[in-house]
Amino acid sequence: MTRSKNSRMRGSSSHGWGAKKKHRGAGHRGGRGNAGSGKRGDAKKPSYWRDTKRVGKSGFTSKSALITKTITVQDLDRSAERLLLQKKATREGKAIVIDLLALGYHKLLGTGTTSKQFSLSIEQATPRAVEKINACGGSVTLLTGTADEASVEDVKEPTKK
């Protein structure tokens, strides 16, 4: 039977921790964690300052900010088939009918192009987005709000030359 480590280490002065100094409390290593990076511990300071998550304040949190989730015409064009497969959109004739508000989107932006015909319902849409959807034979129904100071009726159909 082997003796316990405690009894085997008797008389060795360091009990397997090397020099006598090494196995002491947290004071031996300058404190626990980031302790000692205030007025002393100069080696820790630069790395401590560099980490912006720990030092300093940044901005403020608005209590009244409304989060507007947006989707672009390009994103809509790319995800249309997936939405049809997931039954989050339906097809009526050639038009793909999507209730964007039910999907959690509040505003339609005009970035990108589309060749698909959409029938969309959403709270807000930019005039450029409405123009692009209408150009493909689709329609945008605004449920509440405005299309950035221009409603669906205000956006003119593109003229053909």
Protein backbone atom coordinates (compact mmCIF):
# COMPACT_ATOMS: atom_id res chain seq x y z
CA MET A 1 0.00 0.00 0.00
CA THR A 2 1.34 3.42 -0.95
CA ARG A 3 1.61 6.19 1.56
CA SER A 4 -0.54 9.33 1.14
CA LYS A 5 1.04 12.24 -0.69
CA ASN A 6 0.87 14.28 2.46
CA SER A 7 3.05 11.90 4.42
CA ARG A 8 5.40 11.28 1.48
CA MET A 9 6.12 15.02 1.17
CA ARG A 10 7.08 15.44 4.83
CA GLY A 11 10.53 16.98 5.08
CA SER A 12 10.74 18.13 1.47
CA SER A 13 10.11 21.80 2.42
CA SER A 14 8.35 22.67 -0.86
CA HIS A 15 5.97 19.68 -1.18
CA GLY A 16 6.58 19.41 -4.90
CA TRP A 17 6.05 23.07 -5.81
CA GLY A 18 9.66 23.89 -6.63
CA ALA A 19 11.22 26.78 -4.76
CA LYS A 20 9.87 27.59 -1.35
CA LYS A 21 8.52 30.93 -2.58
CA LYS A 22 6.36 29.60 -5.41
CA HIS A 23 3.36 27.97 -3.75
CA ARG A 24 1.91 30.83 -1.78
CA GLY A 25 -1.35 32.72 -2.01
CA ALA A 26 -2.58 35.11 -4.69
CA GLY A 27 -0.26 37.78 -3.30
CA HIS A 28 2.64 35.89 -4.87
CA ARG A 29 1.28 36.58 -8.38
CA GLY A 30 0.07 40.14 -7.76
CA GLY A 31 -3.51 39.33 -6.88
CA ARG A 32 -6.26 37.35 -8.53
CA GLY A 33 -7.49 38.19 -12.03
CA ASN A 34 -6.94 41.83 -12.98
CA ALA A 35 -6.17 42.96 -9.44
CA GLY A 36 -3.22 45.27 -9.06
CA SER A 37 -3.65 47.02 -12.38
CA GLY A 38 -4.47 50.33 -10.72
CA LYS A 39 -1.49 52.19 -9.29
CA ARG A 40 0.92 49.26 -9.45
CA GLY A 41 1.40 46.19 -11.58
CA ASP A 42 2.77 48.16 -14.53
CA ALA A 43 3.19 45.06 -16.69
CA LYS A 44 -0.58 44.48 -16.62
CA LYS A 45 -1.66 48.04 -17.39
CA PRO A 46 -1.25 48.22 -21.20
CA SER A 47 -3.13 44.99 -21.83
CA TYR A 48 -5.80 46.05 -19.37
CA TRP A 49 -6.27 49.43 -21.08
CA ARG A 50 -6.41 47.84 -24.53
CA ASP A 51 -9.43 45.73 -23.59
CA THR A 52 -12.34 48.15 -24.10
CA LYS A 53 -14.86 45.71 -22.64
CA ARG A 54 -13.38 46.16 -19.18
CA VAL A 55 -12.34 49.82 -19.08
CA GLY A 56 -14.40 52.95 -19.70
CA LYS A 57 -17.95 53.67 -20.70
CA SER A 58 -19.37 53.73 -24.18
CA GLY A 59 -22.48 55.58 -25.34
CA PHE A 60 -25.82 55.35 -23.65
CA THR A 61 -28.89 53.15 -23.76
CA SER A 62 -31.94 54.91 -25.07
CA LYS A 63 -35.09 53.97 -23.18
CA SER A 64 -37.40 55.12 -25.96
CA ALA A 65 -35.64 53.85 -29.08
CA LEU A 66 -37.82 51.84 -31.44
CA ILE A 67 -36.01 49.03 -33.18
CA THR A 68 -36.95 48.96 -36.85
CA LYS A 69 -36.10 45.66 -38.50
CA THR A 70 -35.49 46.20 -42.20
CA ILE A 71 -35.28 44.03 -45.31
CA THR A 72 -34.00 45.01 -48.74
CA VAL A 73 -35.48 44.24 -52.14
CA GLN A 74 -32.36 42.18 -52.85
CA ASP A 75 -32.76 40.09 -49.67
CA LEU A 76 -36.42 39.58 -50.48
CA ASP A 77 -35.57 38.38 -54.00
CA ARG A 78 -33.02 35.90 -52.65
CA SER A 79 -35.24 34.46 -49.91
CA ALA A 80 -38.55 34.30 -51.83
CA GLU A 81 -38.26 30.61 -52.82
CA ARG A 82 -37.22 29.63 -49.29
CA LEU A 83 -40.21 31.48 -47.83
CA LEU A 84 -42.51 29.64 -50.25
CA LEU A 85 -41.06 26.28 -49.21
CA GLN A 86 -41.46 27.18 -45.52
CA LYS A 87 -45.05 28.25 -46.24
CA LYS A 88 -44.34 31.74 -44.90
CA ALA A 89 -45.36 33.10 -48.31
CA THR A 90 -48.02 32.08 -50.82
CA ARG A 91 -48.29 32.31 -54.57
CA GLU A 92 -51.32 33.96 -56.20
CA GLY A 93 -50.95 33.66 -59.95
CA LYS A 94 -47.50 35.03 -60.77
CA ALA A 95 -47.26 37.13 -57.62
CA ILE A 96 -45.58 35.96 -54.43
CA VAL A 97 -47.65 37.21 -51.48
CA ILE A 98 -45.65 37.94 -48.32
CA ASP A 99 -46.80 39.56 -45.10
CA LEU A 100 -43.48 41.06 -44.03
CA LEU A 101 -44.91 42.37 -40.77
CA ALA A 102 -45.81 38.81 -39.74
CA LEU A 103 -42.19 37.82 -40.45
CA GLY A 104 -41.00 40.56 -38.07
CA TYR A 105 -39.95 43.20 -40.61
CA HIS A 106 -41.07 46.81 -40.31
CA LYS A 107 -39.49 48.56 -43.27
CA LEU A 108 -38.67 47.69 -46.90
CA LEU A 109 -35.52 49.27 -48.32
CA GLY A 110 -34.71 49.76 -52.01
CA THR A 111 -31.24 48.21 -52.17
CA GLY A 112 -30.77 45.69 -54.99
CA THR A 113 -32.95 44.52 -57.85
CA THR A 114 -35.65 41.91 -58.37
CA SER A 115 -37.24 40.19 -61.32
CA LYS A 116 -39.98 38.51 -59.28
CA GLN A 117 -43.50 39.84 -58.87
CA PHE A 118 -44.30 40.47 -55.22
CA SER A 119 -47.43 41.46 -53.34
CA LEU A 120 -46.13 42.78 -50.02
CA SER A 121 -47.71 44.16 -46.87
CA ILE A 122 -45.48 46.09 -44.49
CA GLU A 123 -45.54 49.12 -42.16
CA GLN A 124 -43.02 51.30 -44.02
CA ALA A 125 -41.27 51.30 -47.38
CA THR A 126 -38.92 53.70 -49.10
CA PRO A 127 -40.20 55.26 -52.34
CA ARG A 128 -37.35 53.57 -54.25
CA ALA A 129 -38.37 50.14 -52.91
CA VAL A 130 -42.02 50.71 -53.85
CA GLU A 131 -40.91 51.82 -57.31
CA LYS A 132 -38.82 48.68 -57.85
CA ILE A 133 -41.62 46.33 -56.71
CA ASN A 134 -44.19 48.16 -58.90
CA ALA A 135 -41.82 48.04 -61.90
CA CYS A 136 -41.97 44.23 -61.83
CA GLY A 137 -45.77 44.23 -61.72
CA GLY A 138 -46.01 43.82 -57.96
CA SER A 139 -47.62 45.88 -55.25
CA VAL A 140 -46.78 47.19 -51.78
CA THR A 141 -49.54 47.68 -49.21
CA LEU A 142 -48.57 49.95 -46.34
CA LEU A 143 -50.37 48.90 -43.19
CA THR A 144 -49.46 51.89 -41.00
CA GLY A 145 -46.98 54.71 -41.31
CA THR A 146 -45.67 56.27 -44.49
CA ALA A 147 -43.23 55.50 -47.24
CA ASP A 148 -40.77 58.11 -45.95
CA GLU A 149 -43.14 61.01 -46.58
CA ALA A 150 -44.44 59.41 -49.77
CA SER A 151 -47.34 56.96 -49.73
CA VAL A 152 -47.87 54.21 -52.28
CA GLU A 153 -50.18 56.48 -54.29
CA ASP A 154 -47.57 59.25 -54.39
CA VAL A 155 -44.92 57.04 -56.00
CA LYS A 156 -45.39 57.35 -59.72
CA GLU A 157 -45.02 54.43 -62.09
CA PRO A 158 -41.76 54.59 -64.09
CA THR A 159 -42.34 56.26 -67.44
CA LYS A 160 -41.37 54.37 -70.58
CA LYS A 161 -39.56 56.31 -73.28
